[in-house]
């Protein structure tokens, strides 16, 4: 029986989101105009911020672009910000948009080389502690020069590939067999089920070490996280300046994060320490050898080109040859031209990962425009700036860290850096104090945000990926496994901000 038009419209609204979530968004859209007319724009503006953070925190129920976009559109219609103000925010943050559009897509064409490197690490190192350290360090190093989301995507691809190979063999098939559903355990041999659980534990701990590594490295440079470039632009820092300014906080944090990785494996707590079963290793090695034997001269040439372009990328970023997004575009041109990727549809796939988040970022800027137009953060900023200068960086770190853990660090960083920059331009801050607050904002939004998948885009990407259900990586398991890192990164980061600046 066909549903009525009303029922169809209701069903289509926000798709498969829970009924309570849909009703919440509708309630927000109804309440906001009433609040604006009765309570005024200031209180309504703060209500809008709370509602928007709610959509970010509930990202697993519905991607925030749609509900957050509806709230932003309503705010503009109600006159809380003008379209011109939104455009001004977007145009002043064009570098960040170019970074997401082109750099992430550029690294997409470098995946084969990155997969090759991580595969060699996984199969070449027998010690689980050493392997975890290398995955964490590699994630940090790559994220410092590439992008945390892309590096996480590589880690997910590797893990799904290895899981699929083992699951296929454990189900009684051959490595060379193409047709196999690795999400279905019904065909699994009973003797292999316990071994599969151990392998899941191994992959869970390894992928979490790698994901935290992307946060450790992502905070250090202006390309590691989307908000870093925005922060660097407001501060007027290039690649080297950004790294050096952040180093007093980020380098001790990196060292302590890597030490935490080793200790978690040694003491086998909170789900860490699971070794790779030897039978699984043998199957994975056979698969790797099989792939190696099938690698053609064209494949080898492609790996060489990707390696050369990776070196060019690092040099281009280090010496600031051009804005980061344009360097990313250069990477796309070089990799596609010299690897024979000339079909439009093959190039288009590279942009699929970044563009939804780019669209969401533009919605962020619309909410930021409301904050500016209504001066919503002025009382908060004024209160903190009225404190003793020695207290200000620590307070900014904690405030940013708390908000970033429950919402999204790009949104939080965008709000705070704009307000602090406005204070500098108004003469309320000295340049030296401004620099300290910039460091506190960057580290505050990047480090404590590992507490939940809401705060880190890479964590949310991992949680919503095809890998998470395969290895039984739920929201709460991620929170629990990230807890030791959250504590260490927050304490060390705060100490660095308070005592090293």
Protein backbone atom coordinates (compact mmCIF):
# COMPACT_ATOMS: atom_id res chain seq x y z
CA UNK A 1 0.00 0.00 0.00
CA UNK A 2 1.37 3.37 -1.05
CA UNK A 3 1.89 5.92 1.78
CA UNK A 4 0.10 9.25 1.65
CA UNK A 5 2.00 12.31 0.44
CA UNK A 6 2.17 13.60 4.02
CA UNK A 7 3.63 10.32 5.24
CA UNK A 8 6.15 10.32 2.40
CA UNK A 9 7.23 13.88 3.20
CA UNK A 10 7.63 12.96 6.88
CA UNK A 11 9.62 9.84 5.99
CA UNK A 12 11.89 11.76 3.63
CA UNK A 13 12.77 14.45 6.18
CA UNK A 14 16.32 13.64 7.38
CA UNK A 15 15.99 10.14 5.95
CA UNK A 16 16.76 7.31 8.37
CA UNK A 17 17.51 9.52 11.37
CA UNK A 18 15.69 8.51 14.60
CA UNK A 19 12.22 9.94 15.05
CA UNK A 20 13.23 11.79 18.23
CA UNK A 21 16.12 13.43 16.37
CA UNK A 22 13.86 14.64 13.55
CA UNK A 23 11.38 16.04 16.07
CA UNK A 24 14.23 17.82 17.89
CA UNK A 25 15.35 19.59 14.71
CA UNK A 26 11.77 20.59 13.88
CA UNK A 27 11.35 21.92 17.43
CA UNK A 28 14.54 23.99 17.06
CA UNK A 29 13.29 25.50 13.81
CA UNK A 30 9.95 26.43 15.40
CA UNK A 31 11.39 27.74 18.68
CA UNK A 32 14.07 30.02 17.18
CA UNK A 33 11.77 32.62 15.57
CA UNK A 34 9.66 32.76 18.74
CA UNK A 35 12.78 33.19 20.87
CA UNK A 36 14.09 35.94 18.58
CA UNK A 37 10.89 37.95 18.93
CA UNK A 38 10.54 37.42 22.68
CA UNK A 39 14.05 37.01 24.09
CA UNK A 40 16.11 38.97 21.60
CA UNK A 41 18.98 38.09 19.24
CA UNK A 42 21.67 37.57 21.90
CA UNK A 43 19.92 34.74 23.78
CA UNK A 44 18.56 33.29 20.55
CA UNK A 45 22.10 33.31 19.15
CA UNK A 46 23.36 31.23 22.06
CA UNK A 47 20.42 28.88 21.61
CA UNK A 48 21.45 28.50 17.97
CA UNK A 49 25.03 27.65 18.98
CA UNK A 50 23.79 25.01 21.43
CA UNK A 51 21.54 23.54 18.74
CA UNK A 52 24.36 23.46 16.22
CA UNK A 53 26.71 21.76 18.69
CA UNK A 54 23.91 19.24 19.28
CA UNK A 55 23.93 18.37 15.55
CA UNK A 56 27.71 17.91 15.71
CA UNK A 57 27.51 15.74 18.83
CA UNK A 58 24.80 13.60 17.19
CA UNK A 59 26.77 13.17 13.97
CA UNK A 60 26.29 9.39 14.08
CA UNK A 61 22.51 9.86 13.97
CA UNK A 62 22.63 12.24 11.02
CA UNK A 63 25.49 13.93 9.18
CA UNK A 64 25.53 17.53 10.54
CA UNK A 65 25.43 19.20 7.11
CA UNK A 66 21.64 18.86 6.71
CA UNK A 67 20.33 19.79 10.20
CA UNK A 68 23.12 22.31 10.76
CA UNK A 69 22.48 23.78 7.33
CA UNK A 70 18.76 24.17 8.08
CA UNK A 71 19.60 26.06 11.28
CA UNK A 72 22.07 28.29 9.41
CA UNK A 73 19.55 29.07 6.65
CA UNK A 74 16.90 29.94 9.24
CA UNK A 75 19.33 32.25 11.07
CA UNK A 76 20.03 34.14 7.84
CA UNK A 77 16.33 34.37 6.97
CA UNK A 78 15.65 35.74 10.45
CA UNK A 79 18.30 38.42 9.92
CA UNK A 80 20.77 37.18 12.55
CA UNK A 81 23.47 37.32 9.87
CA UNK A 82 23.46 38.61 6.33
CA UNK A 83 24.43 36.61 3.24
CA UNK A 84 27.21 39.18 2.74
CA UNK A 85 28.61 38.41 6.19
CA UNK A 86 28.59 34.68 5.43
CA UNK A 87 30.35 35.28 2.12
CA UNK A 88 32.94 37.42 3.88
CA UNK A 89 33.65 34.59 6.32
CA UNK A 90 33.99 32.12 3.45
CA UNK A 91 36.23 34.37 1.35
CA UNK A 92 38.52 35.14 4.29
CA UNK A 93 38.90 31.39 4.89
CA UNK A 94 39.38 30.38 1.26
CA UNK A 95 42.76 28.76 2.02
CA UNK A 96 41.11 26.23 4.33
CA UNK A 97 38.51 25.36 1.71
CA UNK A 98 41.22 24.92 -0.94
CA UNK A 99 43.15 22.71 1.48
CA UNK A 100 40.20 20.36 1.91
CA UNK A 101 39.28 20.36 -1.76
CA UNK A 102 42.71 19.77 -3.27
CA UNK A 103 45.13 18.43 -0.66
CA UNK A 104 42.94 15.54 0.45
CA UNK A 105 42.18 14.71 -3.19
CA UNK A 106 45.88 14.91 -4.02
CA UNK A 107 46.81 12.41 -1.34
CA UNK A 108 44.11 10.07 -2.69
CA UNK A 109 46.36 9.49 -5.70
CA UNK A 110 49.24 8.67 -3.35
CA UNK A 111 47.40 5.87 -1.54
CA UNK A 112 49.19 2.98 -3.26
CA UNK A 113 52.55 4.16 -2.00
CA UNK A 114 51.20 4.72 1.52
CA UNK A 115 49.51 1.29 1.49
CA UNK A 116 52.77 -0.29 0.37
CA UNK A 117 54.69 1.34 3.24
CA UNK A 118 52.18 0.41 5.96
CA UNK A 119 51.89 -3.14 4.67
CA UNK A 120 55.66 -3.59 4.90
CA UNK A 121 55.61 -2.25 8.45
CA UNK A 122 52.79 -4.54 9.56
CA UNK A 123 54.28 -7.74 8.15
CA UNK A 124 57.92 -6.90 8.75
CA UNK A 125 57.73 -6.22 12.49
CA UNK A 126 57.04 -9.16 14.82
CA UNK A 127 56.86 -7.28 18.14
CA UNK A 128 53.35 -5.88 18.77
CA UNK A 129 54.75 -3.09 20.95
CA UNK A 130 57.20 -2.01 18.28
CA UNK A 131 54.54 -2.32 15.60
CA UNK A 132 52.10 -0.17 17.59
CA UNK A 133 54.81 2.44 18.16
CA UNK A 134 55.61 2.52 14.43
CA UNK A 135 51.94 2.83 13.44
CA UNK A 136 51.44 5.66 15.94
CA UNK A 137 54.63 7.42 14.85
CA UNK A 138 53.91 6.90 11.14
CA UNK A 139 50.40 8.28 11.61
CA UNK A 140 51.85 11.33 13.37
CA UNK A 141 54.59 11.92 10.80
CA UNK A 142 52.30 11.55 7.78
CA UNK A 143 49.56 13.70 9.33
CA UNK A 144 52.06 16.51 9.90
CA UNK A 145 52.63 16.78 6.15
CA UNK A 146 49.47 15.37 4.64
CA UNK A 147 46.06 15.33 6.32
CA UNK A 148 44.80 13.34 9.31
CA UNK A 149 41.59 12.32 7.52
CA UNK A 150 43.50 10.94 4.56
CA UNK A 151 46.02 9.09 6.70
CA UNK A 152 43.16 7.53 8.67
CA UNK A 153 41.55 6.49 5.38
CA UNK A 154 44.78 4.70 4.43
CA UNK A 155 44.88 2.89 7.79
CA UNK A 156 41.25 1.83 7.33
CA UNK A 157 41.93 0.56 3.81
CA UNK A 158 44.89 -1.52 5.01
CA UNK A 159 42.94 -2.99 7.92
CA UNK A 160 39.89 -3.86 5.82
CA UNK A 161 42.17 -5.48 3.26
CA UNK A 162 43.93 -7.67 5.81
CA UNK A 163 40.66 -8.54 7.55
CA UNK A 164 39.10 -9.53 4.24
CA UNK A 165 42.03 -11.79 3.32
CA UNK A 166 41.97 -13.66 6.63
CA UNK A 167 38.16 -13.88 6.73
CA UNK A 168 38.18 -15.37 3.22
CA UNK A 169 40.65 -18.12 4.15
CA UNK A 170 38.94 -18.74 7.52
CA UNK A 171 35.72 -19.30 5.55
CA UNK A 172 37.34 -22.07 3.53
CA UNK A 173 38.17 -20.13 0.38
CA UNK A 174 41.45 -19.46 -1.43
CA UNK A 175 43.38 -16.18 -1.36
CA UNK A 176 42.89 -15.78 -5.10
CA UNK A 177 39.10 -16.07 -4.84
CA UNK A 178 37.44 -12.76 -5.69
CA UNK A 179 33.85 -13.31 -4.54
CA UNK A 180 33.58 -13.15 -0.74
CA UNK A 181 31.48 -11.19 1.77
CA UNK A 182 33.83 -10.52 4.69
CA UNK A 183 30.99 -8.98 6.75
CA UNK A 184 29.16 -12.32 6.95
CA UNK A 185 30.41 -14.73 9.65
CA UNK A 186 27.95 -17.52 8.84
CA UNK A 187 30.40 -19.33 6.55
CA UNK A 188 33.25 -19.02 9.05
CA UNK A 189 34.78 -22.26 10.28
CA UNK A 190 34.02 -22.87 13.96
CA UNK A 191 37.71 -23.58 14.66
CA UNK A 192 38.61 -20.10 13.37
CA UNK A 193 36.13 -18.02 15.38
CA UNK A 194 38.35 -17.64 18.46
CA UNK A 195 41.30 -16.77 16.23
CA UNK A 196 39.20 -14.15 14.43
CA UNK A 197 38.31 -12.51 17.75
CA UNK A 198 42.01 -12.23 18.58
CA UNK A 199 42.67 -10.73 15.16
CA UNK A 200 39.87 -8.20 15.74
CA UNK A 201 41.47 -7.20 19.03
CA UNK A 202 44.82 -6.80 17.28
CA UNK A 203 43.33 -4.57 14.56
CA UNK A 204 41.31 -2.50 17.07
CA UNK A 205 44.36 -1.60 19.11
CA UNK A 206 46.50 -0.95 16.04
CA UNK A 207 43.96 1.29 14.33
CA UNK A 208 43.42 3.28 17.55
CA UNK A 209 47.17 3.84 17.95
CA UNK A 210 47.33 5.03 14.37
CA UNK A 211 44.28 7.29 14.73
CA UNK A 212 45.69 8.93 17.87
CA UNK A 213 48.96 9.30 15.98
CA UNK A 214 47.17 11.45 13.40
CA UNK A 215 46.11 13.78 16.23
CA UNK A 216 49.63 13.89 17.66
CA UNK A 217 51.10 14.85 14.31
CA UNK A 218 48.15 16.89 13.08
CA UNK A 219 48.58 19.51 15.80
CA UNK A 220 52.19 20.27 14.86
CA UNK A 221 51.85 21.86 11.40
CA UNK A 222 49.47 24.11 9.53
CA UNK A 223 48.32 21.32 7.19
CA UNK A 224 47.76 18.60 9.79
CA UNK A 225 44.18 19.66 10.56
CA UNK A 226 41.82 22.00 8.66
CA UNK A 227 41.61 24.50 11.53
CA UNK A 228 45.41 24.78 11.74
CA UNK A 229 45.59 26.60 8.42
CA UNK A 230 42.85 28.98 9.53
CA UNK A 231 44.74 29.66 12.76
CA UNK A 232 48.03 30.13 10.92
CA UNK A 233 46.41 32.54 8.48
CA UNK A 234 45.00 34.70 11.27
CA UNK A 235 48.38 34.67 13.03
CA UNK A 236 50.35 35.35 9.86
CA UNK A 237 52.57 32.28 10.25
CA UNK A 238 54.00 30.15 7.45
CA UNK A 239 54.75 26.42 7.67
CA UNK A 240 58.05 26.72 9.55
CA UNK A 241 56.86 29.53 11.86
CA UNK A 242 53.77 27.57 12.81
CA UNK A 243 55.82 24.48 13.64
CA UNK A 244 58.32 26.42 15.75
CA UNK A 245 55.65 28.38 17.62
CA UNK A 246 53.77 25.19 18.52
CA UNK A 247 56.86 23.06 19.27
CA UNK A 248 57.19 23.93 23.00
CA UNK A 249 53.77 22.30 23.53
CA UNK A 250 53.46 19.83 20.68
CA UNK A 251 56.87 18.14 20.89
CA UNK A 252 56.61 17.12 24.59
CA UNK A 253 53.05 16.00 23.88
CA UNK A 254 54.23 13.88 20.94
CA UNK A 255 56.89 12.22 23.07
CA UNK A 256 54.46 11.53 25.93
CA UNK A 257 51.86 10.23 23.48
CA UNK A 258 54.33 7.75 22.02
CA UNK A 259 55.39 6.67 25.52
CA UNK A 260 51.70 6.13 26.35
CA UNK A 261 51.41 3.93 23.25
CA UNK A 262 54.28 1.73 24.46
CA UNK A 263 52.96 1.50 28.03
CA UNK A 264 49.45 0.55 26.88
CA UNK A 265 50.88 -2.34 24.88
CA UNK A 266 53.23 -3.45 27.66
CA UNK A 267 50.56 -3.51 30.34
CA UNK A 268 47.72 -4.67 28.02
CA UNK A 269 45.03 -2.40 29.48
CA UNK A 270 41.71 -1.13 28.06
CA UNK A 271 41.80 -3.46 25.06
CA UNK A 272 45.41 -2.91 24.02
CA UNK A 273 48.21 -5.46 23.76
CA UNK A 274 46.48 -8.13 21.64
CA UNK A 275 49.15 -9.82 19.47
CA UNK A 276 48.76 -10.90 15.86
CA UNK A 277 48.06 -14.68 15.85
CA UNK A 278 50.83 -16.51 14.02
CA UNK A 279 48.36 -18.39 11.80
CA UNK A 280 46.90 -15.06 10.70
CA UNK A 281 50.37 -13.66 9.99
CA UNK A 282 51.13 -16.59 7.68
CA UNK A 283 47.93 -16.03 5.71
CA UNK A 284 48.58 -12.30 5.38
CA UNK A 285 52.16 -12.90 4.27
CA UNK A 286 50.99 -15.32 1.58
CA UNK A 287 48.53 -12.71 0.35
CA UNK A 288 51.24 -10.03 0.27
CA UNK A 289 53.58 -12.33 -1.65
CA UNK A 290 50.79 -13.06 -4.11
CA UNK A 291 50.20 -9.34 -4.69
CA UNK A 292 53.95 -8.78 -5.05
CA UNK A 293 54.18 -11.44 -7.75
CA UNK A 294 51.37 -9.78 -9.70
CA UNK A 295 52.87 -6.26 -9.53
CA UNK A 296 53.69 -5.10 -13.05
CA UNK A 297 56.33 -2.65 -14.25
CA UNK A 298 53.55 -0.08 -14.60
CA UNK A 299 52.65 -0.56 -10.92
CA UNK A 300 56.29 -0.15 -9.89
CA UNK A 301 56.61 2.99 -12.01
CA UNK A 302 53.49 4.38 -10.33
CA UNK A 303 54.97 3.79 -6.86
CA UNK A 304 58.16 5.60 -7.89
CA UNK A 305 56.19 8.58 -9.20
CA UNK A 306 54.15 8.74 -5.98
CA UNK A 307 57.31 8.66 -3.85
CA UNK A 308 58.92 11.48 -5.87
CA UNK A 309 55.79 13.62 -5.66
CA UNK A 310 55.62 12.96 -1.89
CA UNK A 311 59.11 14.48 -1.57
CA UNK A 312 58.04 17.46 -3.72
CA UNK A 313 54.98 17.90 -1.50
CA UNK A 314 57.04 18.00 1.69
CA UNK A 315 59.49 20.49 0.17
CA UNK A 316 56.65 22.65 -1.15
CA UNK A 317 55.03 22.83 2.27
CA UNK A 318 58.26 23.37 4.18
CA UNK A 319 59.42 26.25 1.96
CA UNK A 320 55.94 27.68 1.40
CA UNK A 321 56.13 27.66 -2.40
CA UNK A 322 52.44 28.53 -2.65
CA UNK A 323 49.23 28.44 -0.59
CA UNK A 324 48.62 24.92 0.68
CA UNK A 325 45.55 24.29 -1.48
CA UNK A 326 47.47 25.19 -4.63
CA UNK A 327 50.26 22.79 -3.66
CA UNK A 328 47.57 20.12 -3.32
CA UNK A 329 46.33 20.96 -6.82
CA UNK A 330 49.89 20.63 -8.10
CA UNK A 331 50.08 17.17 -6.50
CA UNK A 332 46.87 16.15 -8.31
CA UNK A 333 48.22 17.32 -11.65
CA UNK A 334 51.61 15.62 -11.22
CA UNK A 335 50.27 12.29 -9.98
CA UNK A 336 47.49 12.00 -12.55
CA UNK A 337 49.64 13.17 -15.46
CA UNK A 338 52.58 10.87 -14.80
CA UNK A 339 50.46 7.87 -13.80
CA UNK A 340 48.12 8.01 -16.77
CA UNK A 341 44.93 8.92 -14.88
CA UNK A 342 43.15 11.03 -17.47
CA UNK A 343 39.51 9.90 -17.27
CA UNK A 344 37.21 12.37 -15.54
CA UNK A 345 35.33 9.74 -13.53
CA UNK A 346 38.60 8.34 -12.09
CA UNK A 347 39.66 11.81 -11.00
CA UNK A 348 36.22 12.52 -9.53
CA UNK A 349 36.49 9.72 -6.96
CA UNK A 350 39.35 11.57 -5.28
CA UNK A 351 37.05 14.41 -4.26
CA UNK A 352 34.33 12.28 -2.66
CA UNK A 353 35.91 12.13 0.82
CA UNK A 354 36.60 15.84 1.27
CA UNK A 355 33.65 17.65 -0.31
CA UNK A 356 30.95 16.70 2.26
CA UNK A 357 33.19 18.04 5.03
CA UNK A 358 34.00 21.12 2.91
CA UNK A 359 30.28 21.83 2.61
CA UNK A 360 29.90 21.38 6.37
CA UNK A 361 32.77 23.84 6.90
CA UNK A 362 30.90 26.48 4.91
CA UNK A 363 27.93 25.95 7.25
CA UNK A 364 30.38 26.46 10.16
CA UNK A 365 31.26 29.82 8.67
CA UNK A 366 27.58 30.77 8.48
CA UNK A 367 27.20 30.09 12.21
CA UNK A 368 30.43 32.03 12.85
CA UNK A 369 28.91 34.95 10.93
CA UNK A 370 25.97 34.89 13.36
CA UNK A 371 28.39 34.91 16.29
CA UNK A 372 30.18 37.94 14.87
CA UNK A 373 27.07 39.85 13.87
CA UNK A 374 25.46 39.37 17.31
CA UNK A 375 28.74 39.65 19.30
CA UNK A 376 27.87 36.44 21.15
CA UNK A 377 31.36 35.59 22.34
CA UNK A 378 32.37 39.09 23.34
CA UNK A 379 31.41 38.68 27.04
CA UNK A 380 33.29 35.35 27.26
CA UNK A 381 36.39 36.72 25.54
CA UNK A 382 36.27 39.92 27.61
CA UNK A 383 36.05 37.89 30.84
CA UNK A 384 39.07 35.76 29.96
CA UNK A 385 41.07 38.75 28.70
CA UNK A 386 40.33 40.55 31.98
CA UNK A 387 42.17 37.81 33.86
CA UNK A 388 45.87 37.92 34.59
CA UNK A 389 47.90 37.35 31.42
CA UNK A 390 49.60 34.30 32.92
CA UNK A 391 46.20 32.59 33.38
CA UNK A 392 44.73 33.36 29.96
CA UNK A 393 46.48 30.68 27.85
CA UNK A 394 45.53 27.89 30.25
CA UNK A 395 41.90 29.03 30.36
CA UNK A 396 41.72 29.15 26.57
CA UNK A 397 43.24 25.66 26.34
CA UNK A 398 40.69 24.19 28.75
CA UNK A 399 37.70 26.00 27.24
CA UNK A 400 38.67 24.94 23.72
CA UNK A 401 39.43 21.40 24.84
CA UNK A 402 36.07 20.92 26.55
CA UNK A 403 34.07 22.25 23.61
CA UNK A 404 36.15 20.33 21.07
CA UNK A 405 35.59 17.05 22.91
CA UNK A 406 31.81 17.34 22.59
CA UNK A 407 31.47 19.10 19.24
CA UNK A 408 33.94 19.66 16.39
CA UNK A 409 37.40 21.19 16.74
CA UNK A 410 37.19 23.06 13.41
CA UNK A 411 34.07 24.93 14.55
CA UNK A 412 35.51 25.73 17.99
CA UNK A 413 38.84 26.90 16.60
CA UNK A 414 37.13 29.09 14.00
CA UNK A 415 35.10 30.87 16.64
CA UNK A 416 37.89 31.48 19.12
CA UNK A 417 40.64 32.50 16.69
CA UNK A 418 38.38 35.08 15.07
CA UNK A 419 37.49 36.58 18.43
CA UNK A 420 41.10 36.71 19.59
CA UNK A 421 42.21 38.24 16.29
CA UNK A 422 39.50 40.90 16.66
CA UNK A 423 40.82 41.67 20.17
CA UNK A 424 44.33 42.10 18.76
CA UNK A 425 43.11 44.41 15.99
CA UNK A 426 41.20 46.46 18.58
CA UNK A 427 44.36 46.91 20.64
CA UNK A 428 43.14 44.84 23.59
CA UNK A 429 46.02 42.36 23.21
CA UNK A 430 49.74 42.69 22.70
CA UNK A 431 51.26 40.66 19.87
CA UNK A 432 53.19 38.50 22.34
CA UNK A 433 50.06 37.65 24.31
CA UNK A 434 48.14 37.04 21.09
CA UNK A 435 50.75 34.48 20.00
CA UNK A 436 50.38 32.63 23.30
CA UNK A 437 46.61 32.51 22.97
CA UNK A 438 46.89 31.27 19.38
CA UNK A 439 49.06 28.38 20.58
CA UNK A 440 46.56 27.64 23.36
CA UNK A 441 43.65 27.64 20.89
CA UNK A 442 45.40 25.34 18.41
CA UNK A 443 46.58 22.81 21.00
CA UNK A 444 43.33 23.06 22.95
CA UNK A 445 41.21 22.18 19.94
CA UNK A 446 43.52 19.41 18.74
CA UNK A 447 44.63 17.47 21.82
CA UNK A 448 41.71 16.96 24.28
CA UNK A 449 39.39 16.39 21.30
CA UNK A 450 40.63 12.79 21.03
CA UNK A 451 38.29 12.06 23.93
CA UNK A 452 35.34 11.32 21.64
CA UNK A 453 34.72 10.68 17.94
CA UNK A 454 32.77 13.96 17.84
CA UNK A 455 35.87 16.10 18.24
CA UNK A 456 38.18 14.64 15.61
CA UNK A 457 37.02 14.31 12.01
CA UNK A 458 39.44 11.41 11.56
CA UNK A 459 37.94 9.59 14.55
CA UNK A 460 34.40 10.12 13.28
CA UNK A 461 35.48 8.91 9.86
CA UNK A 462 36.88 5.76 11.47
CA UNK A 463 33.75 5.13 13.51
CA UNK A 464 31.47 5.46 10.48
CA UNK A 465 33.74 3.45 8.17
CA UNK A 466 33.23 -0.10 6.90
CA UNK A 467 36.01 -1.25 9.25
CA UNK A 468 34.33 -0.37 12.58
CA UNK A 469 31.60 -3.05 12.53
CA UNK A 470 34.05 -5.66 11.24
CA UNK A 471 36.40 -5.27 14.22
CA UNK A 472 33.59 -4.44 16.70
CA UNK A 473 34.76 -0.87 17.25
CA UNK A 474 31.77 0.91 18.80
CA UNK A 475 31.43 4.52 20.01
CA UNK A 476 31.94 3.65 23.67
CA UNK A 477 34.83 1.30 22.92
CA UNK A 478 36.56 4.15 21.08
CA UNK A 479 35.98 6.48 24.02
CA UNK A 480 37.36 3.92 26.49
CA UNK A 481 40.39 3.09 24.34
CA UNK A 482 41.11 6.80 23.80
CA UNK A 483 40.83 7.60 27.53
CA UNK A 484 44.52 7.08 28.46
CA UNK A 485 45.59 9.24 25.53
CA UNK A 486 42.99 11.88 26.44
CA UNK A 487 44.33 12.15 29.98
CA UNK A 488 48.00 12.28 28.95
CA UNK A 489 47.54 14.68 26.03
CA UNK A 490 45.36 17.04 28.07
CA UNK A 491 47.70 17.15 31.08
CA UNK A 492 50.90 17.50 29.07
CA UNK A 493 49.34 19.98 26.65
CA UNK A 494 48.00 22.13 29.50
CA UNK A 495 51.35 22.00 31.31
CA UNK A 496 53.11 23.08 28.11
CA UNK A 497 50.73 25.99 27.60
CA UNK A 498 51.02 27.14 31.23
CA UNK A 499 54.75 26.65 31.85
CA UNK A 500 56.46 26.68 28.45
CA UNK A 501 54.93 29.79 26.87
